[in-house]
Amino acid sequence: MSVVQRTPLPVTALLWAETRPVVQAIFAVRYWVGALVVLAGGGAFGPAVVLGSLGWLLLTMSIYLVNGVSDLTADRANGSDRPLARGLIGAHGAVRVAWALAAASLLLTALTGTLALVLCAVAMGVLGWAYSVGPHPLKNSVAGTAVASAGGGLLTYLAGAAAAGGLPDGPYVAVFVLLALWMAVAGAAKDLGDRSGDEAAGRRTLPVVAGHRAATRVIAAGCLALGTTTVVVAGTWPEVLLPALVLCLGAVVVAVLALRTREDLPRALVRRPYRAFMVTQYAVNPALLLSVLV
């Protein structure tokens, strides 16, 4: 593929940067948490787990490349420094690479011989691409964004579990569901700093539809409701007390930061609730593994 302007970085590095490595890392964490929870409960570690992990990485990379192409208008309006928005790589080339990655992903998951994993991959591919492309992309509505966020998170945990041989016990499935809902509820904080670009691209995100102040209140209320639910889950299943407490704490932090975020603040400050959302994800997943291993 051609590079639009000179750059010291190779195209492969630019493509990797476009897939948002921090996000790719959390998808990998979710997959391996799903697998390790099952392995700790007596599952079998084998080639399917490793092949599935690589296949899932390629799949999520393809999804985020397509998303980067579809977000060009909004990203440029928001001053994004990602390679596509800066013109360092071409959109057509990125789409071709995304198709190749998706095909390679499905091949790898098929080679595992695990039907449940293949079904998760197909569902993830359909959901991920439907988020960005088609006559009515899911990202263009609040409900569609929530479904794609929660669905992608839950499918990733289930894919790791399927590769390891099955589903974990009920308490851990409950935490997987809570973390999927966390992506839909607190993940909406990402849109707080992107309102102008989303409006330019015709996206009807929560801040666009409801306005900044109402959006922060909805996010805060949703986080507090989710935090309350985690307390109930921990009371029902004490074995997941640690991850539930971490998630509850993160929910309170995101809620407070959202309520204190004004629209006229610099974009870096408006994104603080979203950064707290990401930090919470990285904290809850290790806590979940500790609850399994200790």
Protein backbone atom coordinates (compact mmCIF):
# COMPACT_ATOMS: atom_id res chain seq x y z
CA MET A 1 0.00 0.00 0.00
CA SER A 2 1.17 3.58 -0.54
CA VAL A 3 2.14 6.10 2.07
CA VAL A 4 0.55 9.50 1.58
CA GLN A 5 3.50 11.47 2.90
CA ARG A 6 7.01 10.78 4.06
CA THR A 7 7.35 9.32 7.50
CA PRO A 8 10.24 7.75 9.44
CA LEU A 9 8.03 4.86 10.55
CA PRO A 10 7.38 1.76 8.40
CA VAL A 11 3.83 1.18 7.21
CA THR A 12 3.42 -1.85 9.50
CA ALA A 13 4.20 0.30 12.54
CA LEU A 14 1.71 2.93 11.38
CA LEU A 15 -0.98 0.30 10.86
CA TRP A 16 -0.31 -1.08 14.33
CA ALA A 17 -0.56 2.43 15.80
CA GLU A 18 -3.88 2.93 13.99
CA THR A 19 -5.34 -0.15 15.70
CA ARG A 20 -4.79 1.58 19.07
CA PRO A 21 -2.31 -0.70 20.89
CA VAL A 22 -3.70 0.21 24.33
CA VAL A 23 -7.11 -1.08 23.25
CA GLN A 24 -5.59 -4.17 21.63
CA ALA A 25 -3.85 -4.91 24.91
CA ILE A 26 -7.09 -4.84 26.89
CA PHE A 27 -8.75 -7.16 24.37
CA ALA A 28 -5.83 -9.56 24.80
CA VAL A 29 -6.19 -9.30 28.58
CA ARG A 30 -9.90 -10.13 28.35
CA TYR A 31 -9.25 -13.15 26.14
CA TRP A 32 -6.56 -14.54 28.45
CA VAL A 33 -8.62 -13.86 31.59
CA GLY A 34 -11.45 -15.87 30.04
CA ALA A 35 -9.04 -18.68 29.22
CA LEU A 36 -7.18 -18.68 32.55
CA VAL A 37 -10.38 -18.69 34.62
CA VAL A 38 -11.43 -21.89 32.83
CA LEU A 39 -7.92 -23.38 33.04
CA ALA A 40 -7.85 -22.74 36.79
CA GLY A 41 -11.11 -24.65 37.06
CA GLY A 42 -9.74 -27.73 35.32
CA GLY A 43 -9.68 -26.76 31.65
CA ALA A 44 -6.99 -27.99 29.28
CA PHE A 45 -4.22 -25.77 27.96
CA GLY A 46 -3.44 -26.61 24.37
CA PRO A 47 -2.68 -25.16 20.93
CA ALA A 48 -6.27 -23.94 20.62
CA VAL A 49 -5.69 -21.34 23.35
CA VAL A 50 -2.59 -19.91 21.66
CA LEU A 51 -3.97 -20.04 18.12
CA GLY A 52 -7.20 -18.54 19.33
CA SER A 53 -5.32 -15.71 21.02
CA LEU A 54 -3.46 -14.84 17.83
CA GLY A 55 -6.62 -15.13 15.76
CA TRP A 56 -8.51 -12.85 18.15
CA LEU A 57 -5.73 -10.25 17.98
CA LEU A 58 -5.87 -10.20 14.18
CA LEU A 59 -9.65 -9.91 14.31
CA THR A 60 -9.70 -6.95 16.70
CA MET A 61 -6.95 -5.26 14.68
CA SER A 62 -9.09 -5.56 11.54
CA ILE A 63 -12.08 -4.11 13.38
CA TYR A 64 -10.13 -1.09 14.58
CA LEU A 65 -8.54 -0.45 11.19
CA VAL A 66 -11.98 -0.30 9.61
CA ASN A 67 -13.14 1.91 12.46
CA GLY A 68 -10.22 4.26 11.86
CA VAL A 69 -11.18 4.60 8.20
CA SER A 70 -14.84 5.22 9.04
CA ASP A 71 -13.87 7.80 11.68
CA LEU A 72 -11.69 9.94 9.40
CA THR A 73 -14.04 12.92 9.33
CA ALA A 74 -14.61 12.92 13.09
CA ASP A 75 -10.96 12.23 13.94
CA ARG A 76 -9.71 15.10 11.80
CA ALA A 77 -12.29 17.45 13.29
CA ASN A 78 -11.19 16.39 16.77
CA GLY A 79 -7.49 16.83 15.97
CA SER A 80 -6.62 13.14 16.30
CA ASP A 81 -2.94 12.26 15.88
CA ARG A 82 -3.57 8.73 14.60
CA PRO A 83 -1.87 7.83 11.29
CA LEU A 84 -5.00 7.73 9.12
CA ALA A 85 -6.23 11.10 10.37
CA ARG A 86 -2.78 12.61 9.75
CA GLY A 87 -2.64 11.18 6.23
CA LEU A 88 0.36 8.96 6.95
CA ILE A 89 -1.38 5.89 5.52
CA GLY A 90 -4.09 5.59 2.91
CA ALA A 91 -7.66 4.59 3.68
CA HIS A 92 -7.97 2.12 0.78
CA GLY A 93 -4.82 0.32 1.79
CA ALA A 94 -5.96 0.14 5.41
CA VAL A 95 -9.25 -1.47 4.33
CA ARG A 96 -7.40 -4.08 2.26
CA VAL A 97 -5.21 -4.92 5.24
CA ALA A 98 -8.30 -5.14 7.45
CA TRP A 99 -9.90 -7.68 5.09
CA ALA A 100 -6.69 -9.73 5.08
CA LEU A 101 -6.48 -9.68 8.88
CA ALA A 102 -10.11 -10.74 9.23
CA ALA A 103 -9.62 -13.66 6.82
CA ALA A 104 -6.43 -14.78 8.59
CA SER A 105 -8.24 -14.57 11.93
CA LEU A 106 -11.08 -16.82 10.82
CA LEU A 107 -8.57 -19.30 9.37
CA LEU A 108 -6.64 -19.48 12.65
CA THR A 109 -9.75 -19.92 14.77
CA ALA A 110 -11.00 -22.62 12.39
CA LEU A 111 -7.68 -24.46 12.77
CA THR A 112 -8.29 -24.74 16.51
CA GLY A 113 -11.18 -27.11 15.79
CA THR A 114 -13.21 -25.43 18.54
CA LEU A 115 -16.69 -24.65 17.22
CA ALA A 116 -17.62 -22.33 20.09
CA LEU A 117 -14.50 -20.24 19.45
CA VAL A 118 -15.25 -20.04 15.72
CA LEU A 119 -18.80 -18.90 16.46
CA CYS A 120 -17.49 -16.24 18.84
CA ALA A 121 -15.07 -15.03 16.17
CA VAL A 122 -17.76 -14.84 13.50
CA ALA A 123 -20.10 -12.96 15.86
CA MET A 124 -17.29 -10.60 16.86
CA GLY A 125 -16.39 -9.92 13.24
CA VAL A 126 -19.97 -9.17 12.26
CA LEU A 127 -20.52 -6.97 15.32
CA GLY A 128 -17.21 -5.15 14.98
CA TRP A 129 -17.58 -4.34 11.31
CA ALA A 130 -21.27 -3.46 11.70
CA TYR A 131 -20.16 -0.90 14.27
CA SER A 132 -18.31 1.06 11.59
CA VAL A 133 -19.70 0.23 8.13
CA GLY A 134 -22.96 -0.40 6.34
CA PRO A 135 -26.00 1.79 5.68
CA HIS A 136 -26.64 2.24 9.41
CA PRO A 137 -23.39 1.78 11.40
CA LEU A 138 -23.97 0.91 15.04
CA LYS A 139 -21.66 3.72 16.15
CA ASN A 140 -24.13 6.30 14.84
CA SER A 141 -26.56 5.73 17.70
CA VAL A 142 -26.31 5.54 21.47
CA ALA A 143 -27.99 2.12 21.60
CA GLY A 144 -25.85 0.72 18.79
CA THR A 145 -22.65 1.87 20.45
CA ALA A 146 -23.70 0.31 23.76
CA VAL A 147 -24.55 -3.02 22.11
CA ALA A 148 -21.27 -3.14 20.20
CA SER A 149 -19.20 -2.22 23.26
CA ALA A 150 -20.83 -4.69 25.63
CA GLY A 151 -21.07 -7.42 23.01
CA GLY A 152 -17.44 -7.13 21.98
CA GLY A 153 -16.25 -7.34 25.56
CA LEU A 154 -18.39 -10.33 26.48
CA LEU A 155 -17.54 -12.22 23.28
CA THR A 156 -13.84 -11.77 24.02
CA TYR A 157 -14.12 -13.31 27.48
CA LEU A 158 -16.24 -16.16 26.09
CA ALA A 159 -13.76 -16.76 23.25
CA GLY A 160 -10.92 -17.25 25.71
CA ALA A 161 -13.07 -19.55 27.82
CA ALA A 162 -14.14 -21.55 24.75
CA ALA A 163 -10.53 -22.00 23.64
CA ALA A 164 -9.68 -23.40 27.08
CA GLY A 165 -12.52 -25.88 26.98
CA GLY A 166 -15.74 -24.39 28.32
CA LEU A 167 -17.47 -21.84 30.52
CA PRO A 168 -16.33 -20.84 34.02
CA ASP A 169 -18.55 -21.04 37.08
CA GLY A 170 -21.47 -18.66 37.59
CA PRO A 171 -19.67 -16.05 39.74
CA TYR A 172 -17.04 -15.47 37.05
CA VAL A 173 -19.61 -15.32 34.28
CA ALA A 174 -21.37 -12.66 36.35
CA VAL A 175 -18.16 -10.61 36.51
CA PHE A 176 -17.69 -11.03 32.74
CA VAL A 177 -21.18 -9.63 32.21
CA LEU A 178 -20.51 -6.74 34.61
CA LEU A 179 -17.30 -5.88 32.76
CA ALA A 180 -19.14 -6.01 29.44
CA LEU A 181 -21.74 -3.61 30.83
CA TRP A 182 -18.90 -1.45 32.14
CA MET A 183 -17.76 -0.96 28.55
CA ALA A 184 -21.23 0.17 27.50
CA VAL A 185 -21.89 2.44 30.50
CA ALA A 186 -18.56 3.99 31.48
CA GLY A 187 -17.11 3.61 27.99
CA ALA A 188 -19.53 6.30 26.83
CA ALA A 189 -17.18 8.76 28.56
CA LYS A 190 -14.97 8.53 25.49
CA ASP A 191 -17.52 10.57 23.54
CA LEU A 192 -17.41 13.53 25.94
CA GLY A 193 -14.29 14.95 24.33
CA ASP A 194 -15.29 14.08 20.77
CA ARG A 195 -18.60 15.90 20.48
CA SER A 196 -17.60 18.39 17.78
CA GLY A 197 -16.07 15.74 15.55
CA ASP A 198 -18.98 13.36 16.07
CA GLU A 199 -21.43 16.10 15.10
CA ALA A 200 -19.40 16.79 11.95
CA ALA A 201 -19.52 13.09 11.06
CA GLY A 202 -23.25 12.79 11.75
CA ARG A 203 -22.84 10.51 14.76
CA ARG A 204 -25.58 10.70 17.38
CA THR A 205 -23.58 9.89 20.48
CA LEU A 206 -24.85 10.55 23.99
CA PRO A 207 -23.26 14.04 24.26
CA VAL A 208 -24.57 14.95 20.79
CA VAL A 209 -28.10 13.75 21.55
CA ALA A 210 -28.44 14.91 25.16
CA GLY A 211 -25.83 17.65 25.47
CA HIS A 212 -22.66 17.58 27.55
CA ARG A 213 -24.13 18.15 31.00
CA ALA A 214 -26.95 15.66 30.63
CA ALA A 215 -24.50 13.12 29.20
CA THR A 216 -22.19 13.41 32.21
CA ARG A 217 -25.15 12.86 34.53
CA VAL A 218 -26.32 9.80 32.61
CA ILE A 219 -22.79 8.34 32.67
CA ALA A 220 -22.44 9.05 36.39
CA ALA A 221 -25.83 7.53 37.20
CA GLY A 222 -25.07 4.46 35.10
CA CYS A 223 -21.69 3.98 36.78
CA LEU A 224 -23.18 4.26 40.26
CA ALA A 225 -25.93 1.79 39.36
CA LEU A 226 -23.32 -0.63 38.02
CA GLY A 227 -21.20 -0.16 41.13
CA THR A 228 -24.21 -0.99 43.30
CA THR A 229 -24.81 -4.11 41.25
CA THR A 230 -21.22 -5.26 41.80
CA VAL A 231 -21.77 -5.00 45.56
CA VAL A 232 -24.82 -7.26 45.23
CA VAL A 233 -22.80 -9.74 43.14
CA ALA A 234 -20.00 -9.74 45.73
CA GLY A 235 -22.52 -10.35 48.49
CA THR A 236 -23.94 -13.29 46.56
CA TRP A 237 -20.57 -14.77 45.58
CA PRO A 238 -17.82 -13.77 48.05
CA GLU A 239 -15.20 -15.46 45.83
CA VAL A 240 -15.37 -12.50 43.44
CA LEU A 241 -15.26 -9.86 46.18
CA LEU A 242 -11.90 -8.41 45.08
CA PRO A 243 -12.74 -7.69 41.42
CA ALA A 244 -16.19 -6.46 42.44
CA LEU A 245 -14.71 -3.96 44.89
CA VAL A 246 -12.20 -2.73 42.30
CA LEU A 247 -14.96 -2.27 39.76
CA CYS A 248 -17.15 -0.49 42.31
CA LEU A 249 -14.31 1.89 43.19
CA GLY A 250 -13.67 2.59 39.51
CA ALA A 251 -17.36 3.27 38.97
CA VAL A 252 -17.36 5.88 41.74
CA VAL A 253 -14.22 7.54 40.35
CA VAL A 254 -15.61 7.74 36.81
CA ALA A 255 -18.94 9.08 38.13
CA VAL A 256 -17.22 11.83 40.14
CA LEU A 257 -14.91 12.80 37.29
CA ALA A 258 -17.80 12.87 34.82
CA LEU A 259 -19.86 15.17 37.03
CA ARG A 260 -16.88 17.52 37.44
CA THR A 261 -16.10 17.66 33.72
CA ARG A 262 -17.12 20.89 32.00
CA GLU A 263 -17.46 21.14 28.27
CA ASP A 264 -15.18 24.20 28.08
CA LEU A 265 -12.19 22.42 29.62
CA PRO A 266 -9.21 21.41 27.46
CA ARG A 267 -9.83 18.11 25.68
CA ALA A 268 -7.20 16.32 27.79
CA LEU A 269 -9.20 17.17 30.93
CA VAL A 270 -12.52 16.28 29.34
CA ARG A 271 -11.08 12.82 28.68
CA ARG A 272 -10.25 12.15 32.34
CA PRO A 273 -13.39 10.04 32.96
CA TYR A 274 -12.47 7.90 29.93
CA ARG A 275 -8.92 7.41 31.19
CA ALA A 276 -10.31 6.35 34.58
CA PHE A 277 -12.57 3.91 32.73
CA MET A 278 -9.53 2.36 31.00
CA VAL A 279 -7.46 2.20 34.20
CA THR A 280 -10.34 0.42 35.93
CA GLN A 281 -10.43 -2.22 33.20
CA TYR A 282 -6.72 -2.89 33.61
CA ALA A 283 -7.16 -3.16 37.38
CA VAL A 284 -10.28 -5.36 37.49
CA ASN A 285 -8.99 -8.11 35.23
CA PRO A 286 -5.87 -8.93 37.32
CA ALA A 287 -8.05 -8.74 40.42
CA LEU A 288 -10.35 -11.31 38.85
CA LEU A 289 -7.42 -13.62 38.17
CA LEU A 290 -6.23 -13.23 41.76
CA SER A 291 -9.67 -14.25 43.01
CA VAL A 292 -9.38 -17.43 40.94
CA LEU A 293 -5.82 -18.35 41.90
CA VAL A 294 -5.78 -17.47 45.60
